[in-house]
Amino acid sequence: MQNVLTAILIKAIIPLILVGIGFLAAKYLKPWLNQNSDRMIRANEIALIADRITDEFLLLAPSAHWSEWIDEAVDRLILACGLTDADEASALAHREIASQIMKKNLAGIAK
């Protein structure tokens, strides 16, 4: 009788443990993953806006070197994205504009 109760108890504990793990994952892991997803969507939006800004500057000043308009492009990206913190926003915008310049292979273009 004791062996039967022990076997039933062991078979019942494993699903309860799995249900508990599922509950904890839904409570703590799911919001964390969702937050990272939102950050990725925002990063893609910023990259798209930076791409359009660099395209605009290439059309407006095709003969100008990118170093002449990068500061204005950074300011436009900060304004367009609504970035608030001055130092972090400037660094983020500068990195993104620079990455778009590298993607378009403009770094090697001379005047």
PDB file of N, CA and C in Angstrom:
ATOM      1  N   MET A   1       0.819  -1.186   0.000  1.00  0.00           N
ATOM      2  CA  MET A   1       0.000   0.000   0.000  1.00  0.00           C
ATOM      3  C   MET A   1       0.871   1.260   0.000  1.00  0.00           C
ATOM      4  N   GLN A   2       1.914   1.223   0.776  1.00  0.00           N
ATOM      5  CA  GLN A   2       2.833   2.359   0.860  1.00  0.00           C
ATOM      6  C   GLN A   2       3.499   2.628  -0.499  1.00  0.00           C
ATOM      7  N   ASN A   3       3.871   1.567  -1.205  1.00  0.00           N
ATOM      8  CA  ASN A   3       4.502   1.721  -2.513  1.00  0.00           C
ATOM      9  C   ASN A   3       3.545   2.340  -3.528  1.00  0.00           C
ATOM     10  N   VAL A   4       2.267   1.968  -3.469  1.00  0.00           N
ATOM     11  CA  VAL A   4       1.272   2.506  -4.383  1.00  0.00           C
ATOM     12  C   VAL A   4       1.072   4.000  -4.120  1.00  0.00           C
ATOM     13  N   LEU A   5       0.954   4.388  -2.845  1.00  0.00           N
ATOM     14  CA  LEU A   5       0.792   5.800  -2.498  1.00  0.00           C
ATOM     15  C   LEU A   5       2.019   6.619  -2.909  1.00  0.00           C
ATOM     16  N   THR A   6       3.195   6.076  -2.733  1.00  0.00           N
ATOM     17  CA  THR A   6       4.435   6.764  -3.119  1.00  0.00           C
ATOM     18  C   THR A   6       4.486   6.948  -4.639  1.00  0.00           C
ATOM     19  N   ALA A   7       4.094   5.925  -5.389  1.00  0.00           N
ATOM     20  CA  ALA A   7       4.102   6.022  -6.846  1.00  0.00           C
ATOM     21  C   ALA A   7       3.095   7.062  -7.327  1.00  0.00           C
ATOM     22  N   ILE A   8       1.904   7.072  -6.730  1.00  0.00           N
ATOM     23  CA  ILE A   8       0.887   8.058  -7.107  1.00  0.00           C
ATOM     24  C   ILE A   8       1.355   9.467  -6.744  1.00  0.00           C
ATOM     25  N   LEU A   9       1.956   9.614  -5.588  1.00  0.00           N
ATOM     26  CA  LEU A   9       2.437  10.917  -5.142  1.00  0.00           C
ATOM     27  C   LEU A   9       3.545  11.444  -6.058  1.00  0.00           C
ATOM     28  N   ILE A  10       4.443  10.571  -6.464  1.00  0.00           N
ATOM     29  CA  ILE A  10       5.529  10.979  -7.363  1.00  0.00           C
ATOM     30  C   ILE A  10       4.963  11.384  -8.722  1.00  0.00           C
ATOM     31  N   LYS A  11       3.987  10.631  -9.211  1.00  0.00           N
ATOM     32  CA  LYS A  11       3.388  10.965 -10.504  1.00  0.00           C
ATOM     33  C   LYS A  11       2.562  12.248 -10.434  1.00  0.00           C
ATOM     34  N   ALA A  12       2.086  12.622  -9.282  1.00  0.00           N
ATOM     35  CA  ALA A  12       1.307  13.853  -9.139  1.00  0.00           C
ATOM     36  C   ALA A  12       2.212  15.062  -8.896  1.00  0.00           C
ATOM     37  N   ILE A  13       3.366  14.855  -8.286  1.00  0.00           N
ATOM     38  CA  ILE A  13       4.260  15.968  -7.972  1.00  0.00           C
ATOM     39  C   ILE A  13       4.894  16.535  -9.241  1.00  0.00           C
ATOM     40  N   ILE A  14       5.286  15.706 -10.172  1.00  0.00           N
ATOM     41  CA  ILE A  14       5.959  16.174 -11.379  1.00  0.00           C
ATOM     42  C   ILE A  14       5.078  17.140 -12.179  1.00  0.00           C
ATOM     43  N   PRO A  15       3.808  16.829 -12.450  1.00  0.00           N
ATOM     44  CA  PRO A  15       2.980  17.820 -13.155  1.00  0.00           C
ATOM     45  C   PRO A  15       2.760  19.107 -12.352  1.00  0.00           C
ATOM     46  N   LEU A  16       2.662  18.992 -11.033  1.00  0.00           N
ATOM     47  CA  LEU A  16       2.503  20.193 -10.209  1.00  0.00           C
ATOM     48  C   LEU A  16       3.749  21.083 -10.279  1.00  0.00           C
ATOM     49  N   ILE A  17       4.913  20.477 -10.304  1.00  0.00           N
ATOM     50  CA  ILE A  17       6.149  21.238 -10.438  1.00  0.00           C
ATOM     51  C   ILE A  17       6.190  21.928 -11.801  1.00  0.00           C
ATOM     52  N   LEU A  18       5.787  21.215 -12.847  1.00  0.00           N
ATOM     53  CA  LEU A  18       5.767  21.812 -14.185  1.00  0.00           C
ATOM     54  C   LEU A  18       4.763  22.960 -14.281  1.00  0.00           C
ATOM     55  N   VAL A  19       3.617  22.821 -13.630  1.00  0.00           N
ATOM     56  CA  VAL A  19       2.630  23.899 -13.605  1.00  0.00           C
ATOM     57  C   VAL A  19       3.213  25.108 -12.872  1.00  0.00           C
ATOM     58  N   GLY A  20       3.917  24.865 -11.783  1.00  0.00           N
ATOM     59  CA  GLY A  20       4.555  25.957 -11.034  1.00  0.00           C
ATOM     60  C   GLY A  20       5.616  26.662 -11.860  1.00  0.00           C
ATOM     61  N   ILE A  21       6.418  25.904 -12.599  1.00  0.00           N
ATOM     62  CA  ILE A  21       7.433  26.503 -13.468  1.00  0.00           C
ATOM     63  C   ILE A  21       6.766  27.334 -14.566  1.00  0.00           C
ATOM     64  N   GLY A  22       5.683  26.810 -15.120  1.00  0.00           N
ATOM     65  CA  GLY A  22       4.947  27.554 -16.148  1.00  0.00           C
ATOM     66  C   GLY A  22       4.362  28.846 -15.601  1.00  0.00           C
ATOM     67  N   PHE A  23       3.839  28.795 -14.381  1.00  0.00           N
ATOM     68  CA  PHE A  23       3.286  29.997 -13.754  1.00  0.00           C
ATOM     69  C   PHE A  23       4.374  31.042 -13.540  1.00  0.00           C
ATOM     70  N   LEU A  24       5.529  30.621 -13.025  1.00  0.00           N
ATOM     71  CA  LEU A  24       6.632  31.552 -12.792  1.00  0.00           C
ATOM     72  C   LEU A  24       7.168  32.136 -14.101  1.00  0.00           C
ATOM     73  N   ALA A  25       7.232  31.308 -15.136  1.00  0.00           N
ATOM     74  CA  ALA A  25       7.704  31.801 -16.432  1.00  0.00           C
ATOM     75  C   ALA A  25       6.723  32.824 -17.006  1.00  0.00           C
ATOM     76  N   ALA A  26       5.433  32.566 -16.860  1.00  0.00           N
ATOM     77  CA  ALA A  26       4.441  33.508 -17.368  1.00  0.00           C
ATOM     78  C   ALA A  26       4.465  34.814 -16.593  1.00  0.00           C
ATOM     79  N   LYS A  27       4.749  34.731 -15.313  1.00  0.00           N
ATOM     80  CA  LYS A  27       4.730  35.926 -14.485  1.00  0.00           C
ATOM     81  C   LYS A  27       5.988  36.775 -14.657  1.00  0.00           C
ATOM     82  N   TYR A  28       7.164  36.156 -14.764  1.00  0.00           N
ATOM     83  CA  TYR A  28       8.413  36.908 -14.778  1.00  0.00           C
ATOM     84  C   TYR A  28       9.121  36.928 -16.134  1.00  0.00           C
ATOM     85  N   LEU A  29       9.106  35.844 -16.855  1.00  0.00           N
ATOM     86  CA  LEU A  29       9.853  35.762 -18.103  1.00  0.00           C
ATOM     87  C   LEU A  29       9.112  36.423 -19.266  1.00  0.00           C
ATOM     88  N   LYS A  30       7.815  36.237 -19.331  1.00  0.00           N
ATOM     89  CA  LYS A  30       7.035  36.785 -20.446  1.00  0.00           C
ATOM     90  C   LYS A  30       7.089  38.316 -20.500  1.00  0.00           C
ATOM     91  N   PRO A  31       6.922  39.052 -19.395  1.00  0.00           N
ATOM     92  CA  PRO A  31       7.046  40.516 -19.480  1.00  0.00           C
ATOM     93  C   PRO A  31       8.447  40.962 -19.884  1.00  0.00           C
ATOM     94  N   TRP A  32       9.459  40.270 -19.446  1.00  0.00           N
ATOM     95  CA  TRP A  32      10.834  40.624 -19.801  1.00  0.00           C
ATOM     96  C   TRP A  32      11.057  40.432 -21.299  1.00  0.00           C
ATOM     97  N   LEU A  33      10.567  39.338 -21.850  1.00  0.00           N
ATOM     98  CA  LEU A  33      10.697  39.112 -23.287  1.00  0.00           C
ATOM     99  C   LEU A  33       9.896  40.122 -24.093  1.00  0.00           C
ATOM    100  N   ASN A  34       8.730  40.484 -23.617  1.00  0.00           N
ATOM    101  CA  ASN A  34       7.905  41.473 -24.299  1.00  0.00           C
ATOM    102  C   ASN A  34       8.578  42.837 -24.290  1.00  0.00           C
ATOM    103  N   GLN A  35       9.219  43.190 -23.182  1.00  0.00           N
ATOM    104  CA  GLN A  35       9.923  44.467 -23.091  1.00  0.00           C
ATOM    105  C   GLN A  35      11.061  44.514 -24.107  1.00  0.00           C
ATOM    106  N   ASN A  36      11.805  43.430 -24.250  1.00  0.00           N
ATOM    107  CA  ASN A  36      12.884  43.403 -25.227  1.00  0.00           C
ATOM    108  C   ASN A  36      12.339  43.499 -26.638  1.00  0.00           C
ATOM    109  N   SER A  37      11.177  42.933 -26.883  1.00  0.00           N
ATOM    110  CA  SER A  37      10.547  43.025 -28.196  1.00  0.00           C
ATOM    111  C   SER A  37      10.175  44.472 -28.510  1.00  0.00           C
ATOM    112  N   ASP A  38       9.650  45.195 -27.534  1.00  0.00           N
ATOM    113  CA  ASP A  38       9.302  46.597 -27.729  1.00  0.00           C
ATOM    114  C   ASP A  38      10.544  47.434 -28.019  1.00  0.00           C
ATOM    115  N   ARG A  39      11.639  47.127 -27.335  1.00  0.00           N
ATOM    116  CA  ARG A  39      12.889  47.850 -27.570  1.00  0.00           C
ATOM    117  C   ARG A  39      13.411  47.587 -28.982  1.00  0.00           C
ATOM    118  N   MET A  40      13.256  46.360 -29.455  1.00  0.00           N
ATOM    119  CA  MET A  40      13.709  46.021 -30.799  1.00  0.00           C
ATOM    120  C   MET A  40      12.878  46.755 -31.849  1.00  0.00           C
ATOM    121  N   ILE A  41      11.581  46.856 -31.632  1.00  0.00           N
ATOM    122  CA  ILE A  41      10.710  47.585 -32.547  1.00  0.00           C
ATOM    123  C   ILE A  41      11.113  49.050 -32.584  1.00  0.00           C
ATOM    124  N   ARG A  42      11.383  49.635 -31.422  1.00  0.00           N
ATOM    125  CA  ARG A  42      11.804  51.051 -31.349  1.00  0.00           C
ATOM    126  C   ARG A  42      13.148  51.246 -32.050  1.00  0.00           C
ATOM    127  N   ALA A  43      14.073  50.315 -31.855  1.00  0.00           N
ATOM    128  CA  ALA A  43      15.379  50.413 -32.516  1.00  0.00           C
ATOM    129  C   ALA A  43      15.232  50.337 -34.035  1.00  0.00           C
ATOM    130  N   ASN A  44      14.353  49.484 -34.513  1.00  0.00           N
ATOM    131  CA  ASN A  44      14.116  49.398 -35.960  1.00  0.00           C
ATOM    132  C   ASN A  44      13.501  50.687 -36.503  1.00  0.00           C
ATOM    133  N   GLU A  45      12.609  51.312 -35.729  1.00  0.00           N
ATOM    134  CA  GLU A  45      12.027  52.583 -36.148  1.00  0.00           C
ATOM    135  C   GLU A  45      13.099  53.668 -36.248  1.00  0.00           C
ATOM    136  N   ILE A  46      13.991  53.730 -35.266  1.00  0.00           N
ATOM    137  CA  ILE A  46      15.062  54.720 -35.281  1.00  0.00           C
ATOM    138  C   ILE A  46      15.984  54.481 -36.466  1.00  0.00           C
ATOM    139  N   ALA A  47      16.295  53.225 -36.750  1.00  0.00           N
ATOM    140  CA  ALA A  47      17.162  52.909 -37.892  1.00  0.00           C
ATOM    141  C   ALA A  47      16.504  53.320 -39.208  1.00  0.00           C
ATOM    142  N   LEU A  48      15.206  53.097 -39.324  1.00  0.00           N
ATOM    143  CA  LEU A  48      14.498  53.479 -40.545  1.00  0.00           C
ATOM    144  C   LEU A  48      14.501  54.994 -40.733  1.00  0.00           C
ATOM    145  N   ILE A  49      14.258  55.728 -39.661  1.00  0.00           N
ATOM    146  CA  ILE A  49      14.264  57.191 -39.744  1.00  0.00           C
ATOM    147  C   ILE A  49      15.662  57.693 -40.092  1.00  0.00           C
ATOM    148  N   ALA A  50      16.695  57.104 -39.487  1.00  0.00           N
ATOM    149  CA  ALA A  50      18.069  57.506 -39.793  1.00  0.00           C
ATOM    150  C   ALA A  50      18.405  57.214 -41.253  1.00  0.00           C
ATOM    151  N   ASP A  51      17.910  56.115 -41.766  1.00  0.00           N
ATOM    152  CA  ASP A  51      18.138  55.782 -43.170  1.00  0.00           C
ATOM    153  C   ASP A  51      17.508  56.830 -44.085  1.00  0.00           C
ATOM    154  N   ARG A  52      16.306  57.223 -43.761  1.00  0.00           N
ATOM    155  CA  ARG A  52      15.630  58.233 -44.582  1.00  0.00           C
ATOM    156  C   ARG A  52      16.307  59.596 -44.483  1.00  0.00           C
ATOM    157  N   ILE A  53      16.799  59.936 -43.302  1.00  0.00           N
ATOM    158  CA  ILE A  53      17.491  61.218 -43.135  1.00  0.00           C
ATOM    159  C   ILE A  53      18.785  61.233 -43.941  1.00  0.00           C
ATOM    160  N   THR A  54      19.540  60.159 -43.904  1.00  0.00           N
ATOM    161  CA  THR A  54      20.782  60.134 -44.693  1.00  0.00           C
ATOM    162  C   THR A  54      20.476  60.157 -46.193  1.00  0.00           C
ATOM    163  N   ASP A  55      19.413  59.495 -46.609  1.00  0.00           N
ATOM    164  CA  ASP A  55      19.012  59.570 -48.021  1.00  0.00           C
ATOM    165  C   ASP A  55      18.651  60.997 -48.406  1.00  0.00           C
ATOM    166  N   GLU A  56      17.946  61.678 -47.510  1.00  0.00           N
ATOM    167  CA  GLU A  56      17.553  63.060 -47.778  1.00  0.00           C
ATOM    168  C   GLU A  56      18.780  63.956 -47.933  1.00  0.00           C
ATOM    169  N   PHE A  57      19.755  63.787 -47.054  1.00  0.00           N
ATOM    170  CA  PHE A  57      20.959  64.610 -47.151  1.00  0.00           C
ATOM    171  C   PHE A  57      21.763  64.285 -48.407  1.00  0.00           C
ATOM    172  N   LEU A  58      21.751  63.046 -48.827  1.00  0.00           N
ATOM    173  CA  LEU A  58      22.436  62.691 -50.073  1.00  0.00           C
ATOM    174  C   LEU A  58      21.766  63.338 -51.277  1.00  0.00           C
ATOM    175  N   LEU A  59      20.446  63.478 -51.219  1.00  0.00           N
ATOM    176  CA  LEU A  59      19.735  64.134 -52.315  1.00  0.00           C
ATOM    177  C   LEU A  59      19.901  65.651 -52.280  1.00  0.00           C
ATOM    178  N   LEU A  60      19.902  66.226 -51.073  1.00  0.00           N
ATOM    179  CA  LEU A  60      20.020  67.671 -50.953  1.00  0.00           C
ATOM    180  C   LEU A  60      21.421  68.182 -51.270  1.00  0.00           C
ATOM    181  N   ALA A  61      22.427  67.417 -50.868  1.00  0.00           N
ATOM    182  CA  ALA A  61      23.812  67.847 -51.082  1.00  0.00           C
ATOM    183  C   ALA A  61      24.629  66.673 -51.620  1.00  0.00           C
ATOM    184  N   PRO A  62      24.456  66.330 -52.887  1.00  0.00           N
ATOM    185  CA  PRO A  62      25.140  65.147 -53.416  1.00  0.00           C
ATOM    186  C   PRO A  62      26.659  65.302 -53.497  1.00  0.00           C
ATOM    187  N   SER A  63      27.137  66.538 -53.626  1.00  0.00           N
ATOM    188  CA  SER A  63      28.586  66.717 -53.747  1.00  0.00           C
ATOM    189  C   SER A  63      29.254  66.958 -52.399  1.00  0.00           C
ATOM    190  N   ALA A  64      28.480  67.164 -51.357  1.00  0.00           N
ATOM    191  CA  ALA A  64      29.049  67.431 -50.033  1.00  0.00           C
ATOM    192  C   ALA A  64      29.509  66.131 -49.385  1.00  0.00           C
ATOM    193  N   HIS A  65      30.592  66.232 -48.647  1.00  0.00           N
ATOM    194  CA  HIS A  65      31.097  65.074 -47.892  1.00  0.00           C
ATOM    195  C   HIS A  65      30.186  64.858 -46.692  1.00  0.00           C
ATOM    196  N   TRP A  66      30.031  63.611 -46.289  1.00  0.00           N
ATOM    197  CA  TRP A  66      29.112  63.303 -45.192  1.00  0.00           C
ATOM    198  C   TRP A  66      29.512  63.992 -43.899  1.00  0.00           C
ATOM    199  N   SER A  67      30.790  64.286 -43.703  1.00  0.00           N
ATOM    200  CA  SER A  67      31.212  64.925 -42.453  1.00  0.00           C
ATOM    201  C   SER A  67      30.691  66.358 -42.339  1.00  0.00           C
ATOM    202  N   GLU A  68      30.258  66.938 -43.456  1.00  0.00           N
ATOM    203  CA  GLU A  68      29.719  68.293 -43.430  1.00  0.00           C
ATOM    204  C   GLU A  68      28.283  68.340 -42.919  1.00  0.00           C
ATOM    205  N   TRP A  69      27.530  67.262 -43.101  1.00  0.00           N
ATOM    206  CA  TRP A  69      26.123  67.289 -42.703  1.00  0.00           C
ATOM    207  C   TRP A  69      25.765  66.314 -41.599  1.00  0.00           C
ATOM    208  N   ILE A  70      26.745  65.636 -41.024  1.00  0.00           N
ATOM    209  CA  ILE A  70      26.415  64.620 -40.009  1.00  0.00           C
ATOM    210  C   ILE A  70      25.816  65.242 -38.752  1.00  0.00           C
ATOM    211  N   ASP A  71      26.302  66.409 -38.327  1.00  0.00           N
ATOM    212  CA  ASP A  71      25.760  67.032 -37.117  1.00  0.00           C
ATOM    213  C   ASP A  71      24.303  67.449 -37.299  1.00  0.00           C
ATOM    214  N   GLU A  72      23.990  67.983 -38.456  1.00  0.00           N
ATOM    215  CA  GLU A  72      22.600  68.357 -38.720  1.00  0.00           C
ATOM    216  C   GLU A  72      21.709  67.115 -38.827  1.00  0.00           C
ATOM    217  N   ALA A  73      22.242  66.036 -39.369  1.00  0.00           N
ATOM    218  CA  ALA A  73      21.479  64.784 -39.459  1.00  0.00           C
ATOM    219  C   ALA A  73      21.202  64.219 -38.076  1.00  0.00           C
ATOM    220  N   VAL A  74      22.186  64.312 -37.187  1.00  0.00           N
ATOM    221  CA  VAL A  74      21.995  63.842 -35.811  1.00  0.00           C
ATOM    222  C   VAL A  74      20.907  64.659 -35.134  1.00  0.00           C
ATOM    223  N   ASP A  75      20.938  65.982 -35.305  1.00  0.00           N
ATOM    224  CA  ASP A  75      19.903  66.834 -34.712  1.00  0.00           C
ATOM    225  C   ASP A  75      18.517  66.511 -35.261  1.00  0.00           C
ATOM    226  N   ARG A  76      18.433  66.260 -36.554  1.00  0.00           N
ATOM    227  CA  ARG A  76      17.138  65.907 -37.147  1.00  0.00           C
ATOM    228  C   ARG A  76      16.623  64.566 -36.625  1.00  0.00           C
ATOM    229  N   LEU A  77      17.542  63.612 -36.431  1.00  0.00           N
ATOM    230  CA  LEU A  77      17.123  62.310 -35.906  1.00  0.00           C
ATOM    231  C   LEU A  77      16.623  62.435 -34.481  1.00  0.00           C
ATOM    232  N   ILE A  78      17.293  63.218 -33.665  1.00  0.00           N
ATOM    233  CA  ILE A  78      16.847  63.429 -32.281  1.00  0.00           C
ATOM    234  C   ILE A  78      15.461  64.053 -32.271  1.00  0.00           C
ATOM    235  N   LEU A  79      15.263  65.049 -33.105  1.00  0.00           N
ATOM    236  CA  LEU A  79      13.966  65.720 -33.174  1.00  0.00           C
ATOM    237  C   LEU A  79      12.877  64.794 -33.714  1.00  0.00           C
ATOM    238  N   ALA A  80      13.183  64.048 -34.770  1.00  0.00           N
ATOM    239  CA  ALA A  80      12.189  63.176 -35.397  1.00  0.00           C
ATOM    240  C   ALA A  80      11.770  62.023 -34.489  1.00  0.00           C
ATOM    241  N   CYS A  81      12.713  61.508 -33.715  1.00  0.00           N
ATOM    242  CA  CYS A  81      12.399  60.361 -32.847  1.00  0.00           C
ATOM    243  C   CYS A  81      11.881  60.779 -31.477  1.00  0.00           C
ATOM    244  N   GLY A  82      12.000  62.046 -31.143  1.00  0.00           N
ATOM    245  CA  GLY A  82      11.529  62.511 -29.844  1.00  0.00           C
ATOM    246  C   GLY A  82      12.384  62.004 -28.700  1.00  0.00           C
ATOM    247  N   LEU A  83      13.677  61.884 -28.932  1.00  0.00           N
ATOM    248  CA  LEU A  83      14.587  61.435 -27.886  1.00  0.00           C
ATOM    249  C   LEU A  83      14.782  62.564 -26.881  1.00  0.00           C
ATOM    250  N   THR A  84      14.793  62.230 -25.586  1.00  0.00           N
ATOM    251  CA  THR A  84      14.751  63.268 -24.561  1.00  0.00           C
ATOM    252  C   THR A  84      16.114  63.574 -23.941  1.00  0.00           C
ATOM    253  N   ASP A  85      16.807  62.585 -23.416  1.00  0.00           N
ATOM    254  CA  ASP A  85      18.065  62.818 -22.710  1.00  0.00           C
ATOM    255  C   ASP A  85      19.127  63.280 -23.696  1.00  0.00           C
ATOM    256  N   ALA A  86      19.705  64.436 -23.456  1.00  0.00           N
ATOM    257  CA  ALA A  86      20.595  65.075 -24.431  1.00  0.00           C
ATOM    258  C   ALA A  86      21.831  64.231 -24.742  1.00  0.00           C
ATOM    259  N   ASP A  87      22.554  63.787 -23.723  1.00  0.00           N
ATOM    260  CA  ASP A  87      23.803  63.057 -23.973  1.00  0.00           C
ATOM    261  C   ASP A  87      23.550  61.689 -24.587  1.00  0.00           C
ATOM    262  N   GLU A  88      22.637  60.941 -24.012  1.00  0.00           N
ATOM    263  CA  GLU A  88      22.332  59.609 -24.538  1.00  0.00           C
ATOM    264  C   GLU A  88      21.697  59.702 -25.921  1.00  0.00           C
ATOM    265  N   ALA A  89      20.815  60.654 -26.110  1.00  0.00           N
ATOM    266  CA  ALA A  89      20.153  60.806 -27.406  1.00  0.00           C
ATOM    267  C   ALA A  89      21.163  61.171 -28.478  1.00  0.00           C
ATOM    268  N   SER A  90      22.072  62.062 -28.144  1.00  0.00           N
ATOM    269  CA  SER A  90      23.082  62.471 -29.114  1.00  0.00           C
ATOM    270  C   SER A  90      23.989  61.297 -29.484  1.00  0.00           C
ATOM    271  N   ALA A  91      24.387  60.528 -28.487  1.00  0.00           N
ATOM    272  CA  ALA A  91      25.250  59.377 -28.756  1.00  0.00           C
ATOM    273  C   ALA A  91      24.518  58.324 -29.587  1.00  0.00           C
ATOM    274  N   LEU A  92      23.276  58.051 -29.225  1.00  0.00           N
ATOM    275  CA  LEU A  92      22.487  57.076 -29.968  1.00  0.00           C
ATOM    276  C   LEU A  92      22.265  57.534 -31.406  1.00  0.00           C
ATOM    277  N   ALA A  93      21.889  58.784 -31.574  1.00  0.00           N
ATOM    278  CA  ALA A  93      21.630  59.303 -32.915  1.00  0.00           C
ATOM    279  C   ALA A  93      22.913  59.320 -33.748  1.00  0.00           C
ATOM    280  N   HIS A  94      24.014  59.686 -33.143  1.00  0.00           N
ATOM    281  CA  HIS A  94      25.279  59.721 -33.871  1.00  0.00           C
ATOM    282  C   HIS A  94      25.680  58.315 -34.309  1.00  0.00           C
ATOM    283  N   ARG A  95      25.525  57.336 -33.424  1.00  0.00           N
ATOM    284  CA  ARG A  95      25.838  55.942 -33.786  1.00  0.00           C
ATOM    285  C   ARG A  95      24.968  55.461 -34.932  1.00  0.00           C
ATOM    286  N   GLU A  96      23.698  55.795 -34.879  1.00  0.00           N
ATOM    287  CA  GLU A  96      22.785  55.312 -35.918  1.00  0.00           C
ATOM    288  C   GLU A  96      23.055  55.988 -37.258  1.00  0.00           C
ATOM    289  N   ILE A  97      23.299  57.291 -37.258  1.00  0.00           N
ATOM    290  CA  ILE A  97      23.626  57.980 -38.510  1.00  0.00           C
ATOM    291  C   ILE A  97      24.944  57.440 -39.061  1.00  0.00           C
ATOM    292  N   ALA A  98      25.920  57.223 -38.185  1.00  0.00           N
ATOM    293  CA  ALA A  98      27.205  56.681 -38.631  1.00  0.00           C
ATOM    294  C   ALA A  98      27.039  55.275 -39.211  1.00  0.00           C
ATOM    295  N   SER A  99      26.178  54.481 -38.612  1.00  0.00           N
ATOM    296  CA  SER A  99      25.974  53.127 -39.152  1.00  0.00           C
ATOM    297  C   SER A  99      25.298  53.190 -40.519  1.00  0.00           C
ATOM    298  N   GLN A 100      24.395  54.142 -40.712  1.00  0.00           N
ATOM    299  CA  GLN A 100      23.763  54.287 -42.023  1.00  0.00           C
ATOM    300  C   GLN A 100      24.772  54.771 -43.066  1.00  0.00           C
ATOM    301  N   ILE A 101      25.690  55.632 -42.646  1.00  0.00           N
ATOM    302  CA  ILE A 101      26.742  56.084 -43.560  1.00  0.00           C
ATOM    303  C   ILE A 101      27.609  54.899 -43.972  1.00  0.00           C
ATOM    304  N   MET A 102      27.943  54.050 -43.022  1.00  0.00           N
ATOM    305  CA  MET A 102      28.761  52.880 -43.345  1.00  0.00           C
ATOM    306  C   MET A 102      27.988  51.895 -44.223  1.00  0.00           C
ATOM    307  N   LYS A 103      26.692  51.721 -43.985  1.00  0.00           N
ATOM    308  CA  LYS A 103      25.892  50.824 -44.814  1.00  0.00           C
ATOM    309  C   LYS A 103      25.815  51.302 -46.257  1.00  0.00           C
ATOM    310  N   LYS A 104      25.772  52.612 -46.425  1.00  0.00           N
ATOM    311  CA  LYS A 104      25.688  53.173 -47.770  1.00  0.00           C
ATOM    312  C   LYS A 104      27.069  53.332 -48.401  1.00  0.00           C
ATOM    313  N   ASN A 105      28.082  52.924 -47.672  1.00  0.00           N
ATOM    314  CA  ASN A 105      29.486  52.965 -48.151  1.00  0.00           C
ATOM    315  C   ASN A 105      29.892  54.382 -48.527  1.00  0.00           C
ATOM    316  N   LEU A 106      29.509  55.343 -47.687  1.00  0.00           N
ATOM    317  CA  LEU A 106      29.858  56.727 -47.926  1.00  0.00           C
ATOM    318  C   LEU A 106      31.164  57.127 -47.247  1.00  0.00           C
ATOM    319  N   ALA A 107      31.690  56.272 -46.396  1.00  0.00           N
ATOM    320  CA  ALA A 107      32.870  56.638 -45.628  1.00  0.00           C
ATOM    321  C   ALA A 107      34.072  56.859 -46.525  1.00  0.00           C
ATOM    322  N   GLY A 108      34.120  56.207 -47.666  1.00  0.00           N
ATOM    323  CA  GLY A 108      35.261  56.332 -48.549  1.00  0.00           C
ATOM    324  C   GLY A 108      35.099  57.407 -49.608  1.00  0.00           C
ATOM    325  N   ILE A 109      33.949  58.062 -49.636  1.00  0.00           N
ATOM    326  CA  ILE A 109      33.717  59.071 -50.672  1.00  0.00           C
ATOM    327  C   ILE A 109      34.474  60.348 -50.317  1.00  0.00           C
ATOM    328  N   ALA A 110      35.264  60.825 -51.244  1.00  0.00           N
ATOM    329  CA  ALA A 110      35.989  62.084 -51.054  1.00  0.00           C
ATOM    330  C   ALA A 110      35.265  63.185 -51.795  1.00  0.00           C
ATOM    331  N   LYS A 111      35.562  64.401 -51.429  1.00  0.00           N
ATOM    332  CA  LYS A 111      34.944  65.557 -52.060  1.00  0.00           C
ATOM    333  C   LYS A 111      35.375  65.713 -53.478  1.00  0.00           C
TER     334      LYS A 111
END
